[in-house]
C-alpha atoms as a PDB file:
ATOM      1  CA  UNK A   1      -0.038  -0.027  -0.041  1.00  0.00           C
ATOM      2  CA  UNK A   2       1.205   3.490  -0.856  1.00  0.00           C
ATOM      3  CA  UNK A   3      -0.137   6.644   0.973  1.00  0.00           C
ATOM      4  CA  UNK A   4       1.059   9.917  -0.343  1.00  0.00           C
ATOM      5  CA  UNK A   5       0.735  12.793   1.951  1.00  0.00           C
ATOM      6  CA  UNK A   6       1.467  16.506   0.682  1.00  0.00           C
ATOM      7  CA  UNK A   7       5.046  17.208   1.505  1.00  0.00           C
ATOM      8  CA  UNK A   8       5.705  19.395   4.786  1.00  0.00           C
ATOM      9  CA  UNK A   9       8.144  21.876   2.942  1.00  0.00           C
ATOM     10  CA  UNK A  10       5.428  23.357   1.274  1.00  0.00           C
ATOM     11  CA  UNK A  11       3.601  23.699   4.236  1.00  0.00           C
ATOM     12  CA  UNK A  12       6.850  25.402   5.581  1.00  0.00           C
ATOM     13  CA  UNK A  13       6.712  27.767   2.459  1.00  0.00           C
ATOM     14  CA  UNK A  14       3.285  28.696   2.661  1.00  0.00           C
ATOM     15  CA  UNK A  15       3.628  29.446   6.880  1.00  0.00           C
ATOM     16  CA  UNK A  16       6.593  31.334   6.482  1.00  0.00           C
ATOM     17  CA  UNK A  17       5.824  33.508   3.360  1.00  0.00           C
ATOM     18  CA  UNK A  18       2.217  34.481   5.374  1.00  0.00           C
ATOM     19  CA  UNK A  19       4.329  35.295   8.343  1.00  0.00           C
ATOM     20  CA  UNK A  20       6.800  37.476   6.764  1.00  0.00           C
ATOM     21  CA  UNK A  21       4.384  39.324   4.675  1.00  0.00           C
ATOM     22  CA  UNK A  22       2.117  39.855   8.015  1.00  0.00           C
ATOM     23  CA  UNK A  23       5.060  41.336   9.605  1.00  0.00           C
ATOM     24  CA  UNK A  24       5.819  43.659   6.574  1.00  0.00           C
ATOM     25  CA  UNK A  25       2.342  45.217   6.640  1.00  0.00           C
ATOM     26  CA  UNK A  26       2.431  45.104  10.283  1.00  0.00           C
ATOM     27  CA  UNK A  27       5.514  47.431  10.485  1.00  0.00           C
ATOM     28  CA  UNK A  28       4.233  49.219   7.473  1.00  0.00           C
ATOM     29  CA  UNK A  29       1.292  50.553   9.008  1.00  0.00           C
ATOM     30  CA  UNK A  30       3.200  50.994  12.587  1.00  0.00           C
ATOM     31  CA  UNK A  31       5.807  53.334  10.712  1.00  0.00           C
ATOM     32  CA  UNK A  32       4.114  55.180   8.173  1.00  0.00           C
ATOM     33  CA  UNK A  33       0.328  55.207   9.289  1.00  0.00           C
ATOM     34  CA  UNK A  34       0.114  59.036   8.868  1.00  0.00           C
ATOM     35  CA  UNK A  35       1.834  59.024   5.567  1.00  0.00           C
ATOM     36  CA  UNK A  36       0.208  56.272   3.469  1.00  0.00           C
ATOM     37  CA  UNK A  37      -2.992  57.216   0.895  1.00  0.00           C
ATOM     38  CA  UNK A  38      -6.164  55.702   3.168  1.00  0.00           C
ATOM     39  CA  UNK A  39      -6.692  53.766  -0.075  1.00  0.00           C
ATOM     40  CA  UNK A  40      -3.515  51.793   0.993  1.00  0.00           C
ATOM     41  CA  UNK A  41      -4.324  51.765   4.735  1.00  0.00           C
ATOM     42  CA  UNK A  42      -7.179  49.948   3.977  1.00  0.00           C
ATOM     43  CA  UNK A  43      -5.825  47.291   1.826  1.00  0.00           C
ATOM     44  CA  UNK A  44      -3.123  46.691   4.124  1.00  0.00           C
ATOM     45  CA  UNK A  45      -5.391  46.434   6.873  1.00  0.00           C
ATOM     46  CA  UNK A  46      -7.416  43.582   4.989  1.00  0.00           C
ATOM     47  CA  UNK A  47      -4.432  41.950   3.615  1.00  0.00           C
ATOM     48  CA  UNK A  48      -3.282  41.489   7.250  1.00  0.00           C
ATOM     49  CA  UNK A  49      -6.538  38.455   8.164  1.00  0.00           C
ATOM     50  CA  UNK A  50      -5.684  36.933   4.634  1.00  0.00           C
ATOM     51  CA  UNK A  51      -2.021  36.521   5.525  1.00  0.00           C
ATOM     52  CA  UNK A  52      -2.993  35.635   9.219  1.00  0.00           C
ATOM     53  CA  UNK A  53      -5.052  32.739   7.746  1.00  0.00           C
ATOM     54  CA  UNK A  54      -2.466  31.470   5.367  1.00  0.00           C
ATOM     55  CA  UNK A  55      -0.149  31.210   8.278  1.00  0.00           C
ATOM     56  CA  UNK A  56      -2.894  29.229  10.325  1.00  0.00           C
ATOM     57  CA  UNK A  57      -3.432  27.049   7.350  1.00  0.00           C
ATOM     58  CA  UNK A  58       0.184  26.208   6.591  1.00  0.00           C
ATOM     59  CA  UNK A  59       1.082  25.576  10.373  1.00  0.00           C
ATOM     60  CA  UNK A  60      -2.107  23.235  10.233  1.00  0.00           C
ATOM     61  CA  UNK A  61      -0.732  21.187   7.265  1.00  0.00           C
ATOM     62  CA  UNK A  62       2.371  20.911   8.987  1.00  0.00           C
ATOM     63  CA  UNK A  63       0.789  19.286  11.437  1.00  0.00           C
ATOM     64  CA  UNK A  64      -1.556  17.303  10.086  1.00  0.00           C
ATOM     65  CA  UNK A  65      -0.930  17.258   6.138  1.00  0.00           C
ATOM     66  CA  UNK A  66      -3.268  16.339   3.706  1.00  0.00           C
ATOM     67  CA  UNK A  67      -3.724  12.898   2.002  1.00  0.00           C
ATOM     68  CA  UNK A  68      -2.954  13.346  -1.774  1.00  0.00           C
ATOM     69  CA  UNK A  69      -4.044   9.708  -2.335  1.00  0.00           C
ATOM     70  CA  UNK A  70      -3.614   6.217  -1.286  1.00  0.00           C
ATOM     71  CA  UNK A  71      -2.599   3.110  -3.704  1.00  0.00           C
ATOM     72  CA  UNK A  72      -3.182  -0.542  -2.776  1.00  0.00           C
ATOM     73  CA  UNK A  73      -3.985  -3.673  -5.211  1.00  0.00           C
ATOM     74  CA  UNK A  74      -7.552  -2.562  -5.936  1.00  0.00           C
ATOM     75  CA  UNK A  75      -6.810   0.715  -7.338  1.00  0.00           C
ATOM     76  CA  UNK A  76      -5.900   4.246  -5.993  1.00  0.00           C
ATOM     77  CA  UNK A  77      -8.157   6.900  -3.870  1.00  0.00           C
ATOM     78  CA  UNK A  78      -7.498  10.413  -5.139  1.00  0.00           C
ATOM     79  CA  UNK A  79      -8.240  13.027  -2.390  1.00  0.00           C
ATOM     80  CA  UNK A  80      -7.879  16.166  -4.888  1.00  0.00           C
ATOM     81  CA  UNK A  81     -10.446  18.492  -5.766  1.00  0.00           C
ATOM     82  CA  UNK A  82      -9.421  20.306  -8.693  1.00  0.00           C
ATOM     83  CA  UNK A  83     -12.155  22.779  -8.972  1.00  0.00           C
ATOM     84  CA  UNK A  84     -10.997  24.185  -5.688  1.00  0.00           C
ATOM     85  CA  UNK A  85      -7.356  23.267  -5.497  1.00  0.00           C
ATOM     86  CA  UNK A  86      -7.273  21.351  -2.312  1.00  0.00           C
ATOM     87  CA  UNK A  87      -7.577  17.788  -0.481  1.00  0.00           C
ATOM     88  CA  UNK A  88     -10.771  16.746   0.926  1.00  0.00           C
ATOM     89  CA  UNK A  89     -11.409  13.933   3.333  1.00  0.00           C
ATOM     90  CA  UNK A  90     -13.203  11.966   1.012  1.00  0.00           C
ATOM     91  CA  UNK A  91     -11.742  11.017  -1.987  1.00  0.00           C
ATOM     92  CA  UNK A  92     -12.904   9.130  -5.764  1.00  0.00           C
ATOM     93  CA  UNK A  93     -11.815   5.210  -6.140  1.00  0.00           C
ATOM     94  CA  UNK A  94     -10.022   4.645  -9.424  1.00  0.00           C
ATOM     95  CA  UNK A  95      -9.803   0.628  -9.851  1.00  0.00           C
ATOM     96  CA  UNK A  96      -6.725  -0.498 -11.527  1.00  0.00           C
ATOM     97  CA  UNK A  97      -8.776  -2.637 -13.957  1.00  0.00           C
ATOM     98  CA  UNK A  98      -9.514   0.324 -15.920  1.00  0.00           C
ATOM     99  CA  UNK A  99      -5.956   2.225 -15.766  1.00  0.00           C
ATOM    100  CA  UNK A 100      -4.586   0.867 -19.181  1.00  0.00           C
ATOM    101  CA  UNK A 101      -0.600   2.776 -18.550  1.00  0.00           C
ATOM    102  CA  UNK A 102       1.275   4.571 -15.952  1.00  0.00           C
ATOM    103  CA  UNK A 103       3.839   7.128 -16.994  1.00  0.00           C
ATOM    104  CA  UNK A 104       5.795   9.727 -15.427  1.00  0.00           C
ATOM    105  CA  UNK A 105       5.895  13.089 -17.184  1.00  0.00           C
ATOM    106  CA  UNK A 106       7.284  16.311 -17.005  1.00  0.00           C
ATOM    107  CA  UNK A 107       4.354  18.696 -17.887  1.00  0.00           C
ATOM    108  CA  UNK A 108       4.409  22.320 -18.768  1.00  0.00           C
ATOM    109  CA  UNK A 109       2.058  24.331 -16.664  1.00  0.00           C
ATOM    110  CA  UNK A 110       0.858  27.817 -17.375  1.00  0.00           C
ATOM    111  CA  UNK A 111       1.908  31.073 -15.731  1.00  0.00           C
ATOM    112  CA  UNK A 112       4.374  33.857 -16.793  1.00  0.00           C
ATOM    113  CA  UNK A 113       7.216  32.513 -16.673  1.00  0.00           C
ATOM    114  CA  UNK A 114       5.394  29.120 -17.691  1.00  0.00           C
ATOM    115  CA  UNK A 115       6.867  26.113 -15.251  1.00  0.00           C
ATOM    116  CA  UNK A 116       7.143  22.264 -15.129  1.00  0.00           C
ATOM    117  CA  UNK A 117       5.739  19.752 -12.712  1.00  0.00           C
ATOM    118  CA  UNK A 118       5.960  16.281 -12.488  1.00  0.00           C
ATOM    119  CA  UNK A 119       2.704  14.052 -12.727  1.00  0.00           C
ATOM    120  CA  UNK A 120       2.097  10.332 -13.034  1.00  0.00           C
ATOM    121  CA  UNK A 121      -0.305  10.032 -16.269  1.00  0.00           C
ATOM    122  CA  UNK A 122      -2.865   7.323 -16.185  1.00  0.00           C
ATOM    123  CA  UNK A 123      -4.117   6.242 -19.580  1.00  0.00           C
ATOM    124  CA  UNK A 124      -7.462   4.602 -19.137  1.00  0.00           C
ATOM    125  CA  UNK A 125      -9.213   1.896 -20.970  1.00  0.00           C
ATOM    126  CA  UNK A 126     -12.760   2.917 -20.208  1.00  0.00           C
ATOM    127  CA  UNK A 127     -14.175   6.281 -18.375  1.00  0.00           C
ATOM    128  CA  UNK A 128     -13.614   6.684 -14.850  1.00  0.00           C
ATOM    129  CA  UNK A 129     -16.488   6.078 -12.268  1.00  0.00           C
ATOM    130  CA  UNK A 130     -15.866   9.746 -11.703  1.00  0.00           C
ATOM    131  CA  UNK A 131     -15.360  13.210 -13.312  1.00  0.00           C
ATOM    132  CA  UNK A 132     -11.825  12.845 -14.596  1.00  0.00           C
ATOM    133  CA  UNK A 133     -11.288  16.746 -14.916  1.00  0.00           C
ATOM    134  CA  UNK A 134     -12.343  17.486 -11.557  1.00  0.00           C
ATOM    135  CA  UNK A 135      -9.907  15.254  -9.462  1.00  0.00           C
ATOM    136  CA  UNK A 136      -6.632  15.229 -12.149  1.00  0.00           C
ATOM    137  CA  UNK A 137      -3.720  16.983 -10.459  1.00  0.00           C
ATOM    138  CA  UNK A 138      -3.350  18.508 -14.101  1.00  0.00           C
ATOM    139  CA  UNK A 139      -5.353  18.949 -17.374  1.00  0.00           C
ATOM    140  CA  UNK A 140      -4.521  20.220 -20.745  1.00  0.00           C
ATOM    141  CA  UNK A 141      -7.517  20.708 -23.432  1.00  0.00           C
ATOM    142  CA  UNK A 142      -5.991  18.125 -25.698  1.00  0.00           C
ATOM    143  CA  UNK A 143      -6.657  15.484 -23.206  1.00  0.00           C
ATOM    144  CA  UNK A 144     -10.339  13.410 -22.945  1.00  0.00           C
ATOM    145  CA  UNK A 145     -11.937  11.816 -20.099  1.00  0.00           C
ATOM    146  CA  UNK A 146      -9.601   8.625 -20.529  1.00  0.00           C
ATOM    147  CA  UNK A 147      -6.698  10.532 -19.177  1.00  0.00           C
ATOM    148  CA  UNK A 148      -6.106  11.411 -15.394  1.00  0.00           C
ATOM    149  CA  UNK A 149      -3.011  12.947 -13.537  1.00  0.00           C
ATOM    150  CA  UNK A 150      -1.467  12.204  -9.829  1.00  0.00           C
ATOM    151  CA  UNK A 151       0.895  14.529  -8.592  1.00  0.00           C
ATOM    152  CA  UNK A 152       4.276  13.386  -8.966  1.00  0.00           C
ATOM    153  CA  UNK A 153       5.824  16.444  -7.340  1.00  0.00           C
ATOM    154  CA  UNK A 154       4.148  17.885  -3.966  1.00  0.00           C
ATOM    155  CA  UNK A 155       4.143  14.709  -2.206  1.00  0.00           C
ATOM    156  CA  UNK A 156       6.170  12.843   0.154  1.00  0.00           C
ATOM    157  CA  UNK A 157       6.852  10.365  -2.127  1.00  0.00           C
ATOM    158  CA  UNK A 158       7.327  11.618  -5.672  1.00  0.00           C
ATOM    159  CA  UNK A 159       8.683  11.259  -9.446  1.00  0.00           C
ATOM    160  CA  UNK A 160      10.504   8.414  -9.969  1.00  0.00           C
ATOM    161  CA  UNK A 161      10.180   6.713  -6.856  1.00  0.00           C
ATOM    162  CA  UNK A 162       6.303   6.863  -6.902  1.00  0.00           C
ATOM    163  CA  UNK A 163       5.719   5.285 -10.042  1.00  0.00           C
ATOM    164  CA  UNK A 164       8.176   2.636  -8.857  1.00  0.00           C
ATOM    165  CA  UNK A 165       5.747   1.849  -6.143  1.00  0.00           C
ATOM    166  CA  UNK A 166       2.595   2.146  -8.103  1.00  0.00           C
ATOM    167  CA  UNK A 167       3.610   0.102 -10.957  1.00  0.00           C
ATOM    168  CA  UNK A 168       3.567  -3.495  -8.772  1.00  0.00           C
ATOM    169  CA  UNK A 169       0.523  -2.375  -7.557  1.00  0.00           C
ATOM    170  CA  UNK A 170      -1.236  -1.632 -10.743  1.00  0.00           C
ATOM    171  CA  UNK A 171       0.036  -5.096 -12.205  1.00  0.00           C
ATOM    172  CA  UNK A 172      -1.054  -6.876  -9.403  1.00  0.00           C
ATOM    173  CA  UNK A 173      -4.656  -5.307  -9.183  1.00  0.00           C
ATOM    174  CA  UNK A 174      -4.935  -5.230 -13.229  1.00  0.00           C
ATOM    175  CA  UNK A 175      -4.504  -9.291 -13.625  1.00  0.00           C
END
């Protein structure tokens, strides 16, 4: 059985960046409160609670990292919800019988500048019993509902090691 959680290094990054930005906002308001335009002051005061919330989320993920997916001989349970870009407690089950192939790929993602991320590309034989795009870690408009991606970058097990752990389970479950 393979259980993959969100890596703590990203939770540390979220918490640290939010705390730094919060402290910068507070120091700016304390030192230059009289010299800032009113609109800037309001924006900073609104930004502080958002950053405090981000810090809380980062610390909470440090203490109890969210589960990305679990795989066993029957299939893989995916906890990723791409519409809201979060991980839920209730996942969707993808049985190995309908998975035709597993490959590790480096996928180009949008942004400016565009970046790359690692995914496990699962090619399906028949449509999945759930909306594929809603639970796929990445999506390309050229793909159809017979392709789903598992995140192979932000987890506690990633890249080639993750693929090496999934392939024996897939082979045992697809017989």
